[in-house]
C-alpha cells in the first residue's frame, strides 16, 4: 500500500503535492495511483519506439503536467527533460530516456503494490 512516507523515500515532494490537494492525504494518494495508470505512458513508449516525435511530445507534455502537479519528482524530471528536447526538435537518445521514465514508474508501482 502506498503511503506518504514511501513517496518521500522515493523522492516525491509530498508537501508540495499534498498542498495541491488541500492536504487531503487520501485524495493525493488516489491521484498518485491513478497517474501511474495513465495511458500516456503507453502512448509515449509507442511514439518513441516508432520515432513519432510529434506524438511523443504530446504524450510527454501531458504526463509532465500531471506528474508535476503531484510533485512526483523522480518521474517528472526525466519526463520534463524529454518534453523540452522534443519541443526543441533536438536529437537525443529518446529510447534511453524512456527507459529511465519507465524504470521510475515501475519503482513507484512496486511501492503501490508493496
N, C-alpha and C. Protein backbone atom coordinates (compact mmCIF):
# COMPACT_ATOMS: atom_id res chain seq x y z
N UNK A 1 0.84 -1.18 0.00
CA UNK A 1 0.00 0.00 0.00
C UNK A 1 0.88 1.24 0.00
N UNK A 2 0.52 2.17 -0.84
CA UNK A 2 1.28 3.41 -0.97
C UNK A 2 1.03 4.31 0.23
N UNK A 3 2.10 4.89 0.74
CA UNK A 3 2.00 5.82 1.87
C UNK A 3 2.77 7.10 1.54
N UNK A 4 2.50 8.13 2.30
CA UNK A 4 3.24 9.38 2.15
C UNK A 4 4.72 9.15 2.44
N UNK A 5 5.02 8.37 3.47
CA UNK A 5 6.43 8.09 3.80
C UNK A 5 7.13 7.37 2.66
N UNK A 6 6.46 6.41 2.04
CA UNK A 6 7.05 5.69 0.90
C UNK A 6 7.31 6.65 -0.26
N UNK A 7 6.38 7.55 -0.49
CA UNK A 7 6.57 8.54 -1.56
C UNK A 7 7.75 9.46 -1.25
N UNK A 8 7.90 9.84 0.00
CA UNK A 8 9.05 10.67 0.40
C UNK A 8 10.36 9.94 0.14
N UNK A 9 10.41 8.67 0.54
CA UNK A 9 11.63 7.87 0.31
C UNK A 9 11.91 7.74 -1.18
N UNK A 10 10.88 7.67 -1.98
CA UNK A 10 11.00 7.58 -3.43
C UNK A 10 11.59 8.88 -4.00
N UNK A 11 11.36 9.98 -3.31
CA UNK A 11 11.89 11.26 -3.74
C UNK A 11 10.84 12.27 -4.15
N UNK A 12 9.57 11.92 -3.96
CA UNK A 12 8.50 12.85 -4.28
C UNK A 12 8.48 14.00 -3.28
N UNK A 13 8.10 15.16 -3.75
CA UNK A 13 7.94 16.32 -2.87
C UNK A 13 6.50 16.28 -2.36
N UNK A 14 6.29 15.47 -1.35
CA UNK A 14 4.92 15.22 -0.88
C UNK A 14 4.26 16.47 -0.29
N UNK A 15 5.05 17.35 0.31
CA UNK A 15 4.46 18.56 0.87
C UNK A 15 3.83 19.39 -0.24
N UNK A 16 4.55 19.52 -1.35
CA UNK A 16 4.03 20.27 -2.49
C UNK A 16 2.80 19.57 -3.10
N UNK A 17 2.92 18.27 -3.31
CA UNK A 17 1.79 17.53 -3.88
C UNK A 17 0.56 17.55 -2.99
N UNK A 18 0.78 17.36 -1.71
CA UNK A 18 -0.35 17.43 -0.76
C UNK A 18 -0.98 18.81 -0.75
N UNK A 19 -0.14 19.83 -0.82
CA UNK A 19 -0.64 21.20 -0.83
C UNK A 19 -1.59 21.44 -2.00
N UNK A 20 -1.28 20.85 -3.12
CA UNK A 20 -2.15 21.00 -4.30
C UNK A 20 -3.45 20.22 -4.14
N UNK A 21 -3.47 19.32 -3.19
CA UNK A 21 -4.67 18.51 -2.92
C UNK A 21 -5.32 18.93 -1.61
N UNK A 22 -5.10 20.17 -1.21
CA UNK A 22 -5.67 20.73 0.02
C UNK A 22 -5.33 19.90 1.25
N UNK A 23 -4.14 19.29 1.21
CA UNK A 23 -3.62 18.45 2.30
C UNK A 23 -4.51 17.25 2.61
N UNK A 24 -5.26 16.81 1.62
CA UNK A 24 -6.09 15.63 1.76
C UNK A 24 -5.26 14.42 1.31
N UNK A 25 -4.70 13.73 2.29
CA UNK A 25 -3.77 12.63 2.03
C UNK A 25 -4.41 11.52 1.19
N UNK A 26 -5.62 11.12 1.51
CA UNK A 26 -6.29 10.04 0.77
C UNK A 26 -6.49 10.44 -0.69
N UNK A 27 -6.89 11.69 -0.92
CA UNK A 27 -7.10 12.18 -2.28
C UNK A 27 -5.78 12.20 -3.05
N UNK A 28 -4.73 12.70 -2.42
CA UNK A 28 -3.42 12.75 -3.04
C UNK A 28 -2.94 11.35 -3.43
N UNK A 29 -3.03 10.42 -2.52
CA UNK A 29 -2.59 9.05 -2.80
C UNK A 29 -3.42 8.42 -3.92
N UNK A 30 -4.70 8.71 -3.94
CA UNK A 30 -5.56 8.19 -5.01
C UNK A 30 -5.12 8.77 -6.36
N UNK A 31 -4.81 10.06 -6.40
CA UNK A 31 -4.35 10.68 -7.65
C UNK A 31 -3.00 10.12 -8.09
N UNK A 32 -2.11 9.87 -7.15
CA UNK A 32 -0.81 9.27 -7.50
C UNK A 32 -1.04 7.90 -8.13
N UNK A 33 -1.87 7.08 -7.49
CA UNK A 33 -2.18 5.76 -8.05
C UNK A 33 -2.78 5.88 -9.45
N UNK A 34 -3.69 6.81 -9.63
CA UNK A 34 -4.32 7.00 -10.94
C UNK A 34 -3.31 7.45 -11.98
N UNK A 35 -2.40 8.32 -11.59
CA UNK A 35 -1.42 8.84 -12.55
C UNK A 35 -0.51 7.74 -13.08
N UNK A 36 -0.26 6.75 -12.27
CA UNK A 36 0.61 5.65 -12.72
C UNK A 36 -0.07 4.74 -13.72
N UNK A 37 -1.39 4.82 -13.78
CA UNK A 37 -2.16 4.03 -14.76
C UNK A 37 -2.43 4.82 -16.03
N UNK A 38 -1.93 6.04 -16.11
CA UNK A 38 -2.18 6.94 -17.23
C UNK A 38 -1.75 6.28 -18.54
N UNK A 39 -2.65 6.29 -19.51
CA UNK A 39 -2.36 5.72 -20.84
C UNK A 39 -1.25 6.49 -21.55
N UNK A 40 -0.94 7.68 -21.05
CA UNK A 40 0.13 8.47 -21.65
C UNK A 40 1.47 7.77 -21.63
N UNK A 41 1.71 6.92 -20.63
CA UNK A 41 2.97 6.17 -20.60
C UNK A 41 3.07 5.24 -21.80
N UNK A 42 1.98 4.55 -22.11
CA UNK A 42 1.97 3.64 -23.27
C UNK A 42 2.07 4.43 -24.57
N UNK A 43 1.37 5.56 -24.64
CA UNK A 43 1.44 6.41 -25.84
C UNK A 43 2.85 6.92 -26.05
N UNK A 44 3.49 7.33 -24.97
CA UNK A 44 4.86 7.82 -25.06
C UNK A 44 5.79 6.71 -25.54
N UNK A 45 5.66 5.54 -24.94
CA UNK A 45 6.53 4.42 -25.33
C UNK A 45 6.34 4.07 -26.79
N UNK A 46 5.10 4.00 -27.23
CA UNK A 46 4.82 3.66 -28.63
C UNK A 46 5.39 4.72 -29.57
N UNK A 47 5.21 5.98 -29.22
CA UNK A 47 5.69 7.06 -30.07
C UNK A 47 7.21 7.10 -30.15
N UNK A 48 7.86 6.87 -29.02
CA UNK A 48 9.34 6.85 -29.02
C UNK A 48 9.83 5.67 -29.83
N UNK A 49 9.22 4.52 -29.65
CA UNK A 49 9.63 3.33 -30.40
C UNK A 49 9.48 3.52 -31.91
N UNK A 50 8.44 4.23 -32.32
CA UNK A 50 8.21 4.43 -33.76
C UNK A 50 8.82 5.75 -34.27
N UNK A 51 9.55 6.46 -33.40
CA UNK A 51 10.19 7.73 -33.72
C UNK A 51 9.19 8.77 -34.23
N UNK A 52 8.00 8.76 -33.63
CA UNK A 52 6.98 9.76 -33.94
C UNK A 52 7.13 10.87 -32.90
N UNK A 53 7.96 11.84 -33.22
CA UNK A 53 8.31 12.87 -32.25
C UNK A 53 7.14 13.77 -31.89
N UNK A 54 6.25 14.00 -32.82
CA UNK A 54 5.09 14.84 -32.52
C UNK A 54 4.21 14.15 -31.48
N UNK A 55 3.91 12.87 -31.69
CA UNK A 55 3.09 12.13 -30.73
C UNK A 55 3.83 11.95 -29.41
N UNK A 56 5.15 11.75 -29.47
CA UNK A 56 5.94 11.61 -28.24
C UNK A 56 5.88 12.91 -27.44
N UNK A 57 6.01 14.05 -28.13
CA UNK A 57 5.93 15.34 -27.43
C UNK A 57 4.58 15.50 -26.76
N UNK A 58 3.50 15.20 -27.48
CA UNK A 58 2.16 15.37 -26.92
C UNK A 58 1.97 14.50 -25.68
N UNK A 59 2.41 13.25 -25.75
CA UNK A 59 2.27 12.35 -24.60
C UNK A 59 3.14 12.80 -23.43
N UNK A 60 4.37 13.17 -23.74
CA UNK A 60 5.30 13.61 -22.68
C UNK A 60 4.80 14.90 -22.03
N UNK A 61 4.29 15.80 -22.83
CA UNK A 61 3.81 17.08 -22.30
C UNK A 61 2.64 16.86 -21.35
N UNK A 62 1.72 15.98 -21.71
CA UNK A 62 0.57 15.68 -20.84
C UNK A 62 1.03 15.02 -19.54
N UNK A 63 1.96 14.07 -19.65
CA UNK A 63 2.48 13.42 -18.44
C UNK A 63 3.22 14.41 -17.55
N UNK A 64 3.97 15.29 -18.18
CA UNK A 64 4.72 16.30 -17.42
C UNK A 64 3.78 17.10 -16.52
N UNK A 65 2.64 17.47 -17.06
CA UNK A 65 1.68 18.25 -16.27
C UNK A 65 1.15 17.49 -15.07
N UNK A 66 0.69 16.28 -15.30
CA UNK A 66 0.10 15.53 -14.19
C UNK A 66 1.15 15.12 -13.16
N UNK A 67 2.31 14.70 -13.62
CA UNK A 67 3.37 14.30 -12.68
C UNK A 67 3.90 15.49 -11.90
N UNK A 68 3.98 16.63 -12.58
CA UNK A 68 4.43 17.84 -11.90
C UNK A 68 3.45 18.31 -10.85
N UNK A 69 2.17 18.25 -11.17
CA UNK A 69 1.16 18.66 -10.19
C UNK A 69 1.18 17.79 -8.95
N UNK A 70 1.55 16.53 -9.11
CA UNK A 70 1.61 15.62 -7.97
C UNK A 70 3.00 15.61 -7.32
N UNK A 71 3.91 16.39 -7.89
CA UNK A 71 5.28 16.52 -7.36
C UNK A 71 6.00 15.19 -7.28
N UNK A 72 5.81 14.35 -8.31
CA UNK A 72 6.48 13.05 -8.38
C UNK A 72 7.83 13.24 -9.07
N UNK A 73 8.71 13.92 -8.42
CA UNK A 73 9.97 14.41 -8.96
C UNK A 73 10.81 13.36 -9.68
N UNK A 74 10.98 12.15 -9.16
CA UNK A 74 11.84 11.18 -9.85
C UNK A 74 11.32 10.77 -11.24
N UNK A 75 10.03 10.89 -11.47
CA UNK A 75 9.49 10.61 -12.79
C UNK A 75 9.33 11.92 -13.57
N UNK A 76 8.91 12.95 -12.88
CA UNK A 76 8.69 14.24 -13.52
C UNK A 76 9.95 14.76 -14.19
N UNK A 77 11.08 14.71 -13.52
CA UNK A 77 12.31 15.29 -14.04
C UNK A 77 12.70 14.73 -15.40
N UNK A 78 12.79 13.39 -15.57
CA UNK A 78 13.14 12.90 -16.91
C UNK A 78 12.04 13.15 -17.95
N UNK A 79 10.78 13.16 -17.53
CA UNK A 79 9.70 13.47 -18.47
C UNK A 79 9.82 14.93 -18.93
N UNK A 80 10.11 15.83 -18.00
CA UNK A 80 10.26 17.24 -18.35
C UNK A 80 11.44 17.44 -19.30
N UNK A 81 12.54 16.76 -19.04
CA UNK A 81 13.71 16.86 -19.91
C UNK A 81 13.37 16.35 -21.31
N UNK A 82 12.73 15.21 -21.37
CA UNK A 82 12.32 14.64 -22.66
C UNK A 82 11.39 15.59 -23.40
N UNK A 83 10.44 16.17 -22.70
CA UNK A 83 9.48 17.09 -23.30
C UNK A 83 10.20 18.27 -23.94
N UNK A 84 11.15 18.85 -23.21
CA UNK A 84 11.83 20.04 -23.73
C UNK A 84 12.74 19.71 -24.90
N UNK A 85 13.37 18.55 -24.90
CA UNK A 85 14.18 18.14 -26.05
C UNK A 85 13.30 17.94 -27.28
N UNK A 86 12.16 17.31 -27.08
CA UNK A 86 11.23 17.11 -28.19
C UNK A 86 10.67 18.43 -28.68
N UNK A 87 10.35 19.33 -27.76
CA UNK A 87 9.83 20.65 -28.13
C UNK A 87 10.83 21.38 -29.03
N UNK A 88 12.10 21.25 -28.70
CA UNK A 88 13.14 21.92 -29.47
C UNK A 88 13.57 21.17 -30.72
N UNK A 89 13.00 19.98 -30.93
CA UNK A 89 13.35 19.20 -32.12
C UNK A 89 14.77 18.68 -32.10
N UNK A 90 15.32 18.53 -30.90
CA UNK A 90 16.71 18.11 -30.78
C UNK A 90 16.85 16.59 -30.91
N UNK A 91 17.98 16.19 -31.42
CA UNK A 91 18.30 14.77 -31.47
C UNK A 91 18.80 14.35 -30.09
N UNK A 92 18.31 13.22 -29.63
CA UNK A 92 18.70 12.70 -28.32
C UNK A 92 18.43 11.21 -28.31
N UNK A 93 18.94 10.54 -27.31
CA UNK A 93 18.67 9.11 -27.15
C UNK A 93 17.35 8.97 -26.40
N UNK A 94 16.26 9.16 -27.13
CA UNK A 94 14.93 9.15 -26.53
C UNK A 94 14.58 7.78 -25.95
N UNK A 95 15.10 6.73 -26.55
CA UNK A 95 14.81 5.39 -26.02
C UNK A 95 15.44 5.20 -24.64
N UNK A 96 16.63 5.70 -24.45
CA UNK A 96 17.28 5.61 -23.13
C UNK A 96 16.51 6.44 -22.11
N UNK A 97 16.07 7.61 -22.53
CA UNK A 97 15.31 8.47 -21.62
C UNK A 97 13.99 7.81 -21.25
N UNK A 98 13.35 7.19 -22.24
CA UNK A 98 12.11 6.46 -21.97
C UNK A 98 12.37 5.34 -20.98
N UNK A 99 13.49 4.65 -21.12
CA UNK A 99 13.84 3.58 -20.18
C UNK A 99 13.91 4.08 -18.75
N UNK A 100 14.51 5.25 -18.57
CA UNK A 100 14.60 5.85 -17.23
C UNK A 100 13.21 6.14 -16.68
N UNK A 101 12.36 6.72 -17.51
CA UNK A 101 10.99 7.04 -17.10
C UNK A 101 10.24 5.78 -16.70
N UNK A 102 10.33 4.76 -17.52
CA UNK A 102 9.59 3.52 -17.23
C UNK A 102 10.13 2.80 -16.00
N UNK A 103 11.44 2.90 -15.77
CA UNK A 103 12.01 2.30 -14.54
C UNK A 103 11.50 3.03 -13.30
N UNK A 104 11.44 4.35 -13.36
CA UNK A 104 10.92 5.11 -12.22
C UNK A 104 9.46 4.79 -11.98
N UNK A 105 8.70 4.67 -13.06
CA UNK A 105 7.29 4.31 -12.92
C UNK A 105 7.15 2.92 -12.29
N UNK A 106 7.96 1.97 -12.75
CA UNK A 106 7.90 0.61 -12.20
C UNK A 106 8.26 0.61 -10.72
N UNK A 107 9.23 1.42 -10.33
CA UNK A 107 9.60 1.51 -8.91
C UNK A 107 8.44 2.03 -8.08
N UNK A 108 7.78 3.03 -8.59
CA UNK A 108 6.65 3.58 -7.85
C UNK A 108 5.46 2.63 -7.86
N UNK A 109 5.24 1.94 -8.95
CA UNK A 109 4.17 0.94 -8.99
C UNK A 109 4.43 -0.16 -7.96
N UNK A 110 5.69 -0.54 -7.80
CA UNK A 110 6.04 -1.56 -6.79
C UNK A 110 5.73 -1.06 -5.39
N UNK A 111 5.92 0.23 -5.14
CA UNK A 111 5.56 0.79 -3.84
C UNK A 111 4.05 0.72 -3.62
N UNK A 112 3.29 0.92 -4.68
CA UNK A 112 1.84 0.88 -4.58
C UNK A 112 1.36 -0.53 -4.25
N UNK A 113 2.05 -1.52 -4.79
CA UNK A 113 1.67 -2.90 -4.57
C UNK A 113 2.23 -3.47 -3.28
N UNK A 114 3.31 -2.82 -2.79
CA UNK A 114 4.08 -3.26 -1.68
C UNK A 114 3.38 -3.59 -0.47
